[in-house]
Structures are given as structure tokens and as C-alpha cells.
Amino acid sequence: MIDKEPEPGYPRSPDAAEEFLNALTYHDAAPLPPLPPTSDHIEQGMVATSFKWTPDMRDRVRRKAAEHGVTPSILIRQYIEMGLLAEQPERMIPLADAVRALTSLPHSA
């Protein structure tokens, strides 16, 4: 079972969290972090292709893409990449992906 304890240094109680937040200082002159790339930026350099699919599948992909806040093209690419990676059993996966997958499993008694 994976330990769900907070990382060291993180507040462990509501009082500790409030104390931590009250100790933060804010500076208007601090640089803003960069924004994530836009869909248009991600789409640059991509090549177009076409394929045939059912209207139902098209609609399902559109709904799922909207749920994830990405374009259908990005979602399709992500699914294809995951499928291609699954075809390479010798390839190691990042530890973060393994932990995320394991923590999503139901706990056993």
C-alpha cells in the first residue's frame, strides 16, 4: 500500500496550513511563470492525415476532449501515443506514471 502522508515540509494540519499561508510574502514585481503552450502552438509542425470513423466515435472523442480541455486532435494523438507505448513492453515507464496508476487501484483488505 502506498503511504498517503504529506511530503516532509508540507503543513499537516489546518493550523499549520494557515500559519504557512500567512507567512508567505507577495511581490507585485515578481516574474510570472510561463503559460502552458496554446493548442495552436502545439499544432504547429504537425502533418494532417485523415481517416474514416463512425459519427458516434467522433462525438465520443469530441466529448472526451472537451472534458480534458484539449482539442480532439490532441486527444487522438495522446491515445495513439499510449497505444504505441503499450506495444513496447521492454520500454520503462516514468516512476510518476507507475505511482499514479498504482494509487488509482482500489485498496485490498
Protein backbone atom coordinates (compact mmCIF):
# COMPACT_ATOMS: atom_id res chain seq x y z
CA MET A 1 0.00 0.00 0.00
CA ILE A 2 1.32 3.47 -0.85
CA ASP A 3 1.65 5.86 2.08
CA LYS A 4 -0.65 8.87 1.66
CA GLU A 5 1.27 11.03 4.19
CA PRO A 6 2.13 14.55 3.02
CA GLU A 7 5.64 15.24 1.82
CA PRO A 8 8.05 16.48 4.51
CA GLY A 9 7.83 20.23 4.89
CA TYR A 10 4.15 20.46 3.92
CA PRO A 11 1.63 21.55 6.55
CA ARG A 12 -0.02 18.59 8.26
CA SER A 13 -2.93 20.34 9.96
CA PRO A 14 -5.31 23.22 9.24
CA ASP A 15 -3.49 25.42 11.77
CA ALA A 16 -0.12 24.62 10.22
CA ALA A 17 -1.54 25.36 6.75
CA GLU A 18 -2.91 28.72 7.92
CA GLU A 19 0.43 29.60 9.53
CA PHE A 20 2.25 28.62 6.34
CA LEU A 21 -0.06 30.73 4.15
CA ASN A 22 0.15 33.73 6.46
CA ALA A 23 3.95 33.59 6.31
CA LEU A 24 4.01 33.86 2.51
CA THR A 25 5.06 37.18 1.03
CA TYR A 26 3.81 38.53 -2.25
CA HIS A 27 5.65 40.86 -4.60
CA ASP A 28 3.93 42.59 -7.50
CA ALA A 29 7.27 42.78 -9.30
CA ALA A 30 7.87 39.02 -9.19
CA PRO A 31 8.01 37.48 -12.67
CA LEU A 32 5.02 35.44 -13.71
CA PRO A 33 5.59 31.79 -14.59
CA PRO A 34 5.27 30.99 -18.29
CA LEU A 35 1.85 29.95 -19.50
CA PRO A 36 1.43 26.46 -20.96
CA PRO A 37 1.50 26.35 -24.74
CA THR A 38 -1.73 27.03 -26.57
CA SER A 39 -3.38 24.44 -28.78
CA ASP A 40 -2.34 26.49 -31.80
CA HIS A 41 1.30 26.38 -30.69
CA ILE A 42 1.14 22.62 -30.13
CA GLU A 43 -0.43 22.09 -33.54
CA GLN A 44 2.43 23.87 -35.36
CA GLY A 45 4.69 21.47 -37.19
CA MET A 46 2.12 18.69 -37.28
CA VAL A 47 1.09 16.98 -40.50
CA ALA A 48 -2.55 16.40 -41.37
CA THR A 49 -3.99 12.99 -42.09
CA SER A 50 -7.50 11.66 -42.46
CA PHE A 51 -9.34 8.51 -41.57
CA LYS A 52 -12.90 7.29 -41.51
CA TRP A 53 -14.85 6.68 -38.34
CA THR A 54 -18.43 6.49 -37.20
CA PRO A 55 -20.32 9.61 -36.15
CA ASP A 56 -20.75 8.06 -32.69
CA MET A 57 -17.00 7.63 -32.23
CA ARG A 58 -16.37 11.18 -33.48
CA ASP A 59 -18.86 12.52 -30.94
CA ARG A 60 -17.36 10.46 -28.12
CA VAL A 61 -13.89 11.77 -28.92
CA ARG A 62 -15.18 15.36 -29.02
CA ARG A 63 -16.87 14.95 -25.63
CA LYS A 64 -13.80 13.35 -24.04
CA ALA A 65 -11.51 16.02 -25.49
CA ALA A 66 -13.78 18.73 -24.08
CA GLU A 67 -13.68 17.04 -20.65
CA HIS A 68 -9.87 17.19 -20.77
CA GLY A 69 -9.79 20.73 -22.17
CA VAL A 70 -7.90 19.74 -25.32
CA THR A 71 -8.72 19.55 -28.99
CA PRO A 72 -9.87 16.24 -30.48
CA SER A 73 -6.59 16.15 -32.45
CA ILE A 74 -4.52 16.35 -29.28
CA LEU A 75 -6.63 13.67 -27.57
CA ILE A 76 -6.32 11.33 -30.56
CA ARG A 77 -2.53 11.84 -30.64
CA GLN A 78 -2.31 11.11 -26.90
CA TYR A 79 -4.33 7.92 -27.29
CA ILE A 80 -2.23 6.79 -30.25
CA GLU A 81 0.99 7.52 -28.32
CA MET A 82 -0.29 5.48 -25.34
CA GLY A 83 -1.20 2.61 -27.66
CA LEU A 84 2.19 2.66 -29.36
CA LEU A 85 3.97 2.74 -25.99
CA ALA A 86 1.92 -0.27 -24.87
CA GLU A 87 3.35 -2.14 -27.87
CA GLN A 88 6.87 -1.73 -26.38
CA PRO A 89 6.86 -3.90 -23.24
CA GLU A 90 10.63 -3.55 -22.85
CA ARG A 91 10.34 0.23 -22.51
CA MET A 92 10.47 1.53 -18.96
CA ILE A 93 7.81 3.97 -17.82
CA PRO A 94 8.38 7.05 -15.66
CA LEU A 95 8.04 6.38 -11.93
CA ALA A 96 5.37 9.09 -11.64
CA ASP A 97 3.20 7.22 -14.16
CA ALA A 98 3.61 3.96 -12.23
CA VAL A 99 2.73 5.61 -8.92
CA ARG A 100 -0.30 7.33 -10.46
CA ALA A 101 -1.53 4.02 -11.87
CA LEU A 102 -0.97 2.14 -8.63
CA THR A 103 -2.65 4.77 -6.45
CA SER A 104 -5.74 4.63 -8.65
CA LEU A 105 -6.25 0.94 -7.87
CA PRO A 106 -8.77 0.04 -5.15
CA HIS A 107 -7.22 -0.87 -1.81
CA SER A 108 -7.27 -4.56 -0.91
CA ALA A 109 -8.18 -5.85 2.52
